[in-house]
Amino acid sequence: MAGEESLREIVAGNVRAERARARIRQTELAVALGLSQSATSALEGGQREITLSEAGIICRILHVPLADLLKGADDDIFEAFGIPRA
């Protein structure tokens, strides 16, 4: 999978990058997710799995498609979700 990087780490990095691009503070994202700031930090740090429900909220808040959170993942991940590769 994209070298040694896990899907969790790939998604976490993409969430961080997209949140920064959207100029949304981590605390704002935490509130939207119903998580503490420290849990959101763990999510963005790749220390915690992101649930599908959380991914949906993140996409809505950051105004990005799920494919953007999966950038850098192997093709089989896109295929598993039925998402065309961007």
N, C-alpha and C. Protein backbone atom coordinates (compact mmCIF):
# COMPACT_ATOMS: atom_id res chain seq x y z
N MET A 1 0.84 -1.18 0.00
CA MET A 1 0.00 0.00 0.00
C MET A 1 0.88 1.23 0.00
N ALA A 2 0.98 1.92 -1.08
CA ALA A 2 1.73 3.17 -1.18
C ALA A 2 2.99 3.13 -0.32
N GLY A 3 3.87 2.19 -0.61
CA GLY A 3 5.06 2.01 0.21
C GLY A 3 4.69 1.33 1.51
N GLU A 4 5.22 1.82 2.59
CA GLU A 4 4.94 1.23 3.89
C GLU A 4 3.84 1.96 4.65
N GLU A 5 3.32 3.00 4.05
CA GLU A 5 2.31 3.80 4.72
C GLU A 5 0.97 3.06 4.74
N SER A 6 0.33 2.99 5.90
CA SER A 6 -0.95 2.30 6.01
C SER A 6 -2.08 3.21 5.51
N LEU A 7 -3.20 2.61 5.21
CA LEU A 7 -4.36 3.38 4.78
C LEU A 7 -4.75 4.40 5.84
N ARG A 8 -4.66 4.00 7.11
CA ARG A 8 -4.99 4.91 8.20
C ARG A 8 -4.09 6.14 8.15
N GLU A 9 -2.80 5.95 7.91
CA GLU A 9 -1.86 7.07 7.85
C GLU A 9 -2.10 7.94 6.62
N ILE A 10 -2.43 7.31 5.50
CA ILE A 10 -2.72 8.05 4.27
C ILE A 10 -3.93 8.95 4.47
N VAL A 11 -5.01 8.37 4.99
CA VAL A 11 -6.24 9.15 5.21
C VAL A 11 -5.99 10.25 6.23
N ALA A 12 -5.28 9.93 7.30
CA ALA A 12 -4.99 10.93 8.33
C ALA A 12 -4.25 12.13 7.74
N GLY A 13 -3.23 11.86 6.94
CA GLY A 13 -2.49 12.95 6.30
C GLY A 13 -3.35 13.77 5.37
N ASN A 14 -4.24 13.11 4.65
CA ASN A 14 -5.14 13.83 3.74
C ASN A 14 -6.16 14.67 4.50
N VAL A 15 -6.64 14.15 5.62
CA VAL A 15 -7.57 14.94 6.45
C VAL A 15 -6.86 16.19 6.95
N ARG A 16 -5.64 16.02 7.46
CA ARG A 16 -4.87 17.18 7.94
C ARG A 16 -4.68 18.22 6.84
N ALA A 17 -4.26 17.74 5.67
CA ALA A 17 -4.00 18.66 4.55
C ALA A 17 -5.27 19.37 4.09
N GLU A 18 -6.36 18.63 3.97
CA GLU A 18 -7.61 19.24 3.52
C GLU A 18 -8.18 20.20 4.57
N ARG A 19 -8.01 19.87 5.84
CA ARG A 19 -8.49 20.77 6.90
C ARG A 19 -7.70 22.07 6.86
N ALA A 20 -6.39 21.97 6.67
CA ALA A 20 -5.56 23.18 6.58
C ALA A 20 -5.96 24.00 5.37
N ARG A 21 -6.20 23.33 4.25
CA ARG A 21 -6.60 24.03 3.02
C ARG A 21 -7.94 24.76 3.21
N ALA A 22 -8.83 24.13 3.97
CA ALA A 22 -10.15 24.72 4.21
C ALA A 22 -10.12 25.77 5.33
N ARG A 23 -8.96 25.89 5.97
CA ARG A 23 -8.78 26.84 7.07
C ARG A 23 -9.77 26.60 8.21
N ILE A 24 -9.92 25.34 8.53
CA ILE A 24 -10.79 24.94 9.63
C ILE A 24 -9.89 24.46 10.76
N ARG A 25 -10.14 24.96 11.95
CA ARG A 25 -9.33 24.56 13.10
C ARG A 25 -9.67 23.14 13.52
N GLN A 26 -8.72 22.49 14.12
CA GLN A 26 -8.93 21.13 14.58
C GLN A 26 -10.07 21.07 15.59
N THR A 27 -10.20 22.09 16.43
CA THR A 27 -11.28 22.10 17.41
C THR A 27 -12.65 22.19 16.73
N GLU A 28 -12.73 22.91 15.63
CA GLU A 28 -13.99 22.99 14.88
C GLU A 28 -14.36 21.63 14.29
N LEU A 29 -13.36 20.94 13.75
CA LEU A 29 -13.60 19.61 13.21
C LEU A 29 -14.01 18.66 14.33
N ALA A 30 -13.38 18.78 15.48
CA ALA A 30 -13.70 17.94 16.63
C ALA A 30 -15.18 18.11 17.02
N VAL A 31 -15.64 19.34 17.08
CA VAL A 31 -17.04 19.61 17.43
C VAL A 31 -17.97 18.96 16.41
N ALA A 32 -17.67 19.13 15.12
CA ALA A 32 -18.50 18.54 14.07
C ALA A 32 -18.54 17.02 14.17
N LEU A 33 -17.43 16.42 14.59
CA LEU A 33 -17.36 14.96 14.71
C LEU A 33 -17.92 14.45 16.04
N GLY A 34 -18.13 15.36 16.98
CA GLY A 34 -18.58 14.95 18.31
C GLY A 34 -17.47 14.27 19.10
N LEU A 35 -16.23 14.68 18.81
CA LEU A 35 -15.06 14.11 19.47
C LEU A 35 -14.33 15.18 20.28
N SER A 36 -13.49 14.75 21.19
CA SER A 36 -12.62 15.69 21.88
C SER A 36 -11.54 16.14 20.91
N GLN A 37 -10.87 17.23 21.25
CA GLN A 37 -9.77 17.70 20.41
C GLN A 37 -8.66 16.68 20.40
N SER A 38 -8.41 16.02 21.53
CA SER A 38 -7.33 15.03 21.58
C SER A 38 -7.67 13.80 20.72
N ALA A 39 -8.93 13.39 20.68
CA ALA A 39 -9.33 12.27 19.82
C ALA A 39 -9.20 12.65 18.35
N THR A 40 -9.52 13.91 18.03
CA THR A 40 -9.38 14.38 16.66
C THR A 40 -7.91 14.47 16.29
N SER A 41 -7.08 14.88 17.22
CA SER A 41 -5.64 14.91 16.98
C SER A 41 -5.10 13.51 16.71
N ALA A 42 -5.58 12.53 17.46
CA ALA A 42 -5.17 11.13 17.25
C ALA A 42 -5.63 10.64 15.88
N LEU A 43 -6.81 11.05 15.48
CA LEU A 43 -7.35 10.69 14.16
C LEU A 43 -6.46 11.27 13.07
N GLU A 44 -6.11 12.54 13.20
CA GLU A 44 -5.25 13.20 12.21
C GLU A 44 -3.81 12.74 12.27
N GLY A 45 -3.42 12.16 13.38
CA GLY A 45 -2.06 11.67 13.54
C GLY A 45 -1.90 10.22 13.09
N GLY A 46 -3.00 9.63 12.64
CA GLY A 46 -2.95 8.25 12.19
C GLY A 46 -2.88 7.25 13.32
N GLN A 47 -3.18 7.69 14.53
CA GLN A 47 -3.13 6.81 15.70
C GLN A 47 -4.49 6.18 15.98
N ARG A 48 -5.49 6.61 15.25
CA ARG A 48 -6.86 6.14 15.47
C ARG A 48 -7.53 5.95 14.11
N GLU A 49 -8.25 4.85 13.96
CA GLU A 49 -8.99 4.60 12.72
C GLU A 49 -10.12 5.62 12.56
N ILE A 50 -10.41 5.98 11.33
CA ILE A 50 -11.54 6.85 11.03
C ILE A 50 -12.69 5.96 10.60
N THR A 51 -13.85 6.13 11.25
CA THR A 51 -15.01 5.33 10.86
C THR A 51 -15.61 5.89 9.57
N LEU A 52 -16.43 5.09 8.94
CA LEU A 52 -17.08 5.54 7.71
C LEU A 52 -18.00 6.73 8.00
N SER A 53 -18.68 6.70 9.15
CA SER A 53 -19.53 7.84 9.54
C SER A 53 -18.71 9.10 9.70
N GLU A 54 -17.56 8.97 10.36
CA GLU A 54 -16.68 10.13 10.54
C GLU A 54 -16.15 10.62 9.20
N ALA A 55 -15.82 9.70 8.30
CA ALA A 55 -15.34 10.10 6.98
C ALA A 55 -16.40 10.92 6.26
N GLY A 56 -17.66 10.52 6.38
CA GLY A 56 -18.74 11.27 5.76
C GLY A 56 -18.86 12.68 6.32
N ILE A 57 -18.75 12.81 7.63
CA ILE A 57 -18.81 14.13 8.27
C ILE A 57 -17.62 14.97 7.83
N ILE A 58 -16.45 14.38 7.81
CA ILE A 58 -15.24 15.10 7.41
C ILE A 58 -15.39 15.61 5.98
N CYS A 59 -15.86 14.75 5.09
CA CYS A 59 -16.06 15.17 3.69
C CYS A 59 -17.04 16.33 3.59
N ARG A 60 -18.11 16.26 4.36
CA ARG A 60 -19.12 17.32 4.32
C ARG A 60 -18.56 18.63 4.86
N ILE A 61 -17.86 18.58 5.99
CA ILE A 61 -17.32 19.78 6.63
C ILE A 61 -16.22 20.42 5.77
N LEU A 62 -15.38 19.58 5.17
CA LEU A 62 -14.25 20.09 4.38
C LEU A 62 -14.61 20.32 2.91
N HIS A 63 -15.82 19.92 2.53
CA HIS A 63 -16.29 20.07 1.14
C HIS A 63 -15.38 19.36 0.15
N VAL A 64 -15.07 18.10 0.47
CA VAL A 64 -14.25 17.27 -0.42
C VAL A 64 -14.91 15.92 -0.60
N PRO A 65 -14.71 15.28 -1.74
CA PRO A 65 -15.22 13.92 -1.93
C PRO A 65 -14.33 12.91 -1.18
N LEU A 66 -14.88 11.75 -0.92
CA LEU A 66 -14.13 10.70 -0.23
C LEU A 66 -12.84 10.37 -0.98
N ALA A 67 -12.86 10.44 -2.30
CA ALA A 67 -11.66 10.15 -3.09
C ALA A 67 -10.49 11.03 -2.67
N ASP A 68 -10.76 12.26 -2.25
CA ASP A 68 -9.67 13.15 -1.81
C ASP A 68 -9.03 12.66 -0.52
N LEU A 69 -9.82 12.03 0.34
CA LEU A 69 -9.26 11.51 1.58
C LEU A 69 -8.46 10.23 1.33
N LEU A 70 -8.70 9.59 0.18
CA LEU A 70 -8.02 8.34 -0.16
C LEU A 70 -6.82 8.53 -1.08
N LYS A 71 -6.53 9.78 -1.46
CA LYS A 71 -5.38 10.04 -2.35
C LYS A 71 -4.13 9.40 -1.79
N GLY A 72 -3.45 8.65 -2.65
CA GLY A 72 -2.23 7.97 -2.23
C GLY A 72 -2.44 6.51 -1.89
N ALA A 73 -3.70 6.09 -1.77
CA ALA A 73 -4.01 4.69 -1.48
C ALA A 73 -3.91 3.86 -2.76
N ASP A 74 -3.76 2.57 -2.60
CA ASP A 74 -3.69 1.67 -3.74
C ASP A 74 -5.02 1.62 -4.49
N ASP A 75 -4.94 1.25 -5.74
CA ASP A 75 -6.12 1.17 -6.60
C ASP A 75 -7.20 0.25 -6.03
N ASP A 76 -6.81 -0.83 -5.36
CA ASP A 76 -7.81 -1.76 -4.85
C ASP A 76 -8.71 -1.13 -3.79
N ILE A 77 -8.21 -0.11 -3.09
CA ILE A 77 -9.04 0.60 -2.11
C ILE A 77 -10.13 1.39 -2.83
N PHE A 78 -9.74 2.10 -3.88
CA PHE A 78 -10.73 2.85 -4.66
C PHE A 78 -11.76 1.89 -5.25
N GLU A 79 -11.29 0.77 -5.76
CA GLU A 79 -12.17 -0.23 -6.35
C GLU A 79 -13.14 -0.79 -5.31
N ALA A 80 -12.65 -1.05 -4.10
CA ALA A 80 -13.49 -1.60 -3.03
C ALA A 80 -14.63 -0.65 -2.67
N PHE A 81 -14.37 0.65 -2.74
CA PHE A 81 -15.39 1.64 -2.44
C PHE A 81 -16.20 2.03 -3.67
N GLY A 82 -15.83 1.52 -4.83
CA GLY A 82 -16.54 1.87 -6.05
C GLY A 82 -16.32 3.31 -6.46
N ILE A 83 -15.12 3.81 -6.15
CA ILE A 83 -14.77 5.21 -6.44
C ILE A 83 -13.80 5.24 -7.60
N PRO A 84 -14.12 5.99 -8.66
CA PRO A 84 -13.15 6.13 -9.76
C PRO A 84 -11.90 6.83 -9.25
N ARG A 85 -10.78 6.40 -9.70
CA ARG A 85 -9.51 7.03 -9.31
C ARG A 85 -9.44 8.43 -9.88
N ALA A 86 -9.15 9.41 -9.03
CA ALA A 86 -9.10 10.81 -9.46
C ALA A 86 -7.83 11.13 -10.20
